[in-house]
Amino acid sequence: MTKAEFMQYLTNGICGIFATVRQDGMPEARGWQFQYEEDGKYYFATANIKEVFAQLQANSKAAFTYMEPSGKYTLRITGNVGFMKDAEQKKLAWEKMAPPVKGKYKTWDNPTLEIIYIENAQLKFEKGFNDTERVL
């Protein structure tokens, strides 16, 4: 599988599982919506009032997993989370966000909206339910 093939499955707004590390060292996973990929960064949105935001500030390690509905592939992105700080970049990123994110936050400058990204990512995929995981 190439990166282009990998990205055919990870479309804007696709739902998967986003995992972080809690302060006690235990993993924490929750349903999450992938937004888009650009220049090797994988973008997501969250609120700075959520526990997940505090977890990411304390430990930037994260993963996003998506299982293709037929079960043909399981895809995973792992890496470190970065936080978008620049207002102009945030405004441009807002235009690429999926409708549910726009519906929740209403505007790109909502004070609780945080746009985050996984960088230095490792892409992995597994075909079906076998034991052979491959790294792209």
Protein backbone atom coordinates (compact mmCIF):
# COMPACT_ATOMS: atom_id res chain seq x y z
CA MET A 1 0.00 0.00 0.00
CA THR A 2 1.29 3.45 -0.90
CA LYS A 3 0.63 6.64 1.04
CA ALA A 4 -1.79 7.71 -1.72
CA GLU A 5 -3.75 4.46 -1.31
CA PHE A 6 -3.68 4.89 2.48
CA MET A 7 -5.13 8.39 2.13
CA GLN A 8 -7.95 7.15 -0.12
CA TYR A 9 -9.40 5.54 3.01
CA LEU A 10 -8.74 8.49 5.32
CA THR A 11 -11.13 11.01 3.85
CA ASN A 12 -12.15 14.31 5.42
CA GLY A 13 -14.57 13.71 8.28
CA ILE A 14 -13.99 9.95 8.62
CA CYS A 15 -14.52 8.67 12.16
CA GLY A 16 -12.05 6.51 14.02
CA ILE A 17 -10.41 6.13 17.42
CA PHE A 18 -7.98 8.75 18.78
CA ALA A 19 -5.71 7.59 21.58
CA THR A 20 -3.67 9.62 24.05
CA VAL A 21 -1.77 8.96 27.26
CA ARG A 22 -3.36 9.99 30.56
CA GLN A 23 -1.36 11.62 33.34
CA ASP A 24 -1.26 8.27 35.18
CA GLY A 25 0.40 6.66 32.14
CA MET A 26 -2.66 4.69 31.05
CA PRO A 27 -3.98 4.93 27.48
CA GLU A 28 -7.20 6.81 26.79
CA ALA A 29 -9.14 6.24 23.55
CA ARG A 30 -12.22 7.95 22.21
CA GLY A 31 -14.18 8.29 18.99
CA TRP A 32 -12.74 11.07 16.86
CA GLN A 33 -13.09 12.62 13.45
CA PHE A 34 -10.12 12.93 11.10
CA GLN A 35 -10.09 16.23 9.22
CA TYR A 36 -7.38 16.26 6.55
CA GLU A 37 -3.71 15.66 5.71
CA GLU A 38 -1.33 18.27 4.40
CA ASP A 39 2.46 18.21 4.08
CA GLY A 40 2.77 15.07 6.18
CA LYS A 41 0.66 16.42 9.05
CA TYR A 42 -2.67 14.82 9.97
CA TYR A 43 -5.20 17.36 11.26
CA PHE A 44 -7.93 17.11 13.90
CA ALA A 45 -10.01 19.55 15.95
CA THR A 46 -10.80 19.64 19.66
CA ALA A 47 -11.75 22.04 22.43
CA ASN A 48 -9.23 23.45 24.87
CA ILE A 49 -11.68 22.81 27.71
CA LYS A 50 -11.59 19.03 27.19
CA GLU A 51 -9.50 16.59 29.18
CA VAL A 52 -7.94 15.32 25.95
CA PHE A 53 -6.40 18.75 25.34
CA ALA A 54 -4.76 18.73 28.76
CA GLN A 55 -3.52 15.18 28.12
CA LEU A 56 -1.93 16.23 24.84
CA GLN A 57 -0.24 19.22 26.44
CA ALA A 58 1.26 16.94 29.09
CA ASN A 59 2.25 14.15 26.67
CA SER A 60 2.15 14.77 22.93
CA LYS A 61 2.15 11.08 21.92
CA ALA A 62 -1.05 10.10 20.11
CA ALA A 63 -2.52 7.66 17.60
CA PHE A 64 -5.52 7.58 15.31
CA THR A 65 -6.95 4.25 14.12
CA TYR A 66 -9.53 3.66 11.41
CA MET A 67 -11.00 0.35 10.29
CA GLU A 68 -12.33 0.32 6.76
CA PRO A 69 -16.03 -0.73 7.03
CA SER A 70 -15.66 -4.03 5.15
CA GLY A 71 -12.78 -5.01 7.43
CA LYS A 72 -10.35 -5.11 4.52
CA TYR A 73 -7.87 -2.69 6.16
CA THR A 74 -7.06 -1.25 9.56
CA LEU A 75 -5.06 1.97 9.28
CA ARG A 76 -3.11 3.70 12.05
CA ILE A 77 -1.30 7.01 12.36
CA THR A 78 1.06 7.41 15.32
CA GLY A 79 3.27 10.35 16.24
CA ASN A 80 3.48 13.52 18.27
CA VAL A 81 0.77 16.15 18.38
CA GLY A 82 1.46 19.77 17.49
CA PHE A 83 -0.82 22.70 18.22
CA MET A 84 -1.74 25.27 15.59
CA LYS A 85 -1.01 28.71 17.05
CA ASP A 86 -0.96 31.06 14.06
CA ALA A 87 -4.34 32.76 13.47
CA GLU A 88 -3.92 32.92 9.68
CA GLN A 89 -3.05 29.22 9.50
CA LYS A 90 -6.02 28.43 11.73
CA LYS A 91 -8.31 30.41 9.44
CA LEU A 92 -7.05 28.48 6.39
CA ALA A 93 -7.36 25.15 8.23
CA TRP A 94 -10.94 26.02 9.22
CA GLU A 95 -11.92 26.01 5.54
CA LYS A 96 -10.88 22.34 5.32
CA MET A 97 -12.76 21.18 8.42
CA ALA A 98 -15.67 18.74 8.08
CA PRO A 99 -19.24 20.07 8.55
CA PRO A 100 -19.72 18.62 12.08
CA VAL A 101 -16.69 20.59 13.33
CA LYS A 102 -17.96 23.77 11.70
CA GLY A 103 -21.41 23.14 13.15
CA LYS A 104 -20.04 22.72 16.66
CA TYR A 105 -17.58 25.63 16.77
CA LYS A 106 -19.37 28.01 14.33
CA THR A 107 -16.30 30.15 13.51
CA TRP A 108 -12.56 29.64 13.11
CA ASP A 109 -11.87 32.10 15.93
CA ASN A 110 -14.04 30.35 18.53
CA PRO A 111 -11.94 30.70 21.71
CA THR A 112 -12.36 27.01 22.62
CA LEU A 113 -11.44 25.62 19.17
CA GLU A 114 -8.01 24.03 18.89
CA ILE A 115 -6.67 22.64 15.66
CA ILE A 116 -4.10 19.96 16.32
CA TYR A 117 -2.06 17.69 14.09
CA ILE A 118 -0.04 14.51 14.32
CA GLU A 119 3.44 15.16 12.94
CA ASN A 120 6.50 12.98 12.43
CA ALA A 121 3.86 10.35 11.80
CA GLN A 122 4.32 6.67 11.25
CA LEU A 123 1.63 5.18 9.02
CA LYS A 124 0.75 1.53 9.54
CA PHE A 125 -1.79 -0.73 7.94
CA GLU A 126 -2.99 -4.26 8.41
CA LYS A 127 -4.92 -6.22 5.83
CA GLY A 128 -7.92 -7.98 7.30
CA PHE A 129 -7.46 -9.56 10.70
CA ASN A 130 -4.10 -11.19 10.15
CA ASP A 131 -0.95 -10.72 12.18
CA THR A 132 1.00 -8.89 9.51
CA GLU A 133 1.25 -5.18 10.21
CA ARG A 134 3.07 -3.08 7.65
CA VAL A 135 4.71 0.31 8.01
CA LEU A 136 4.60 2.76 5.10
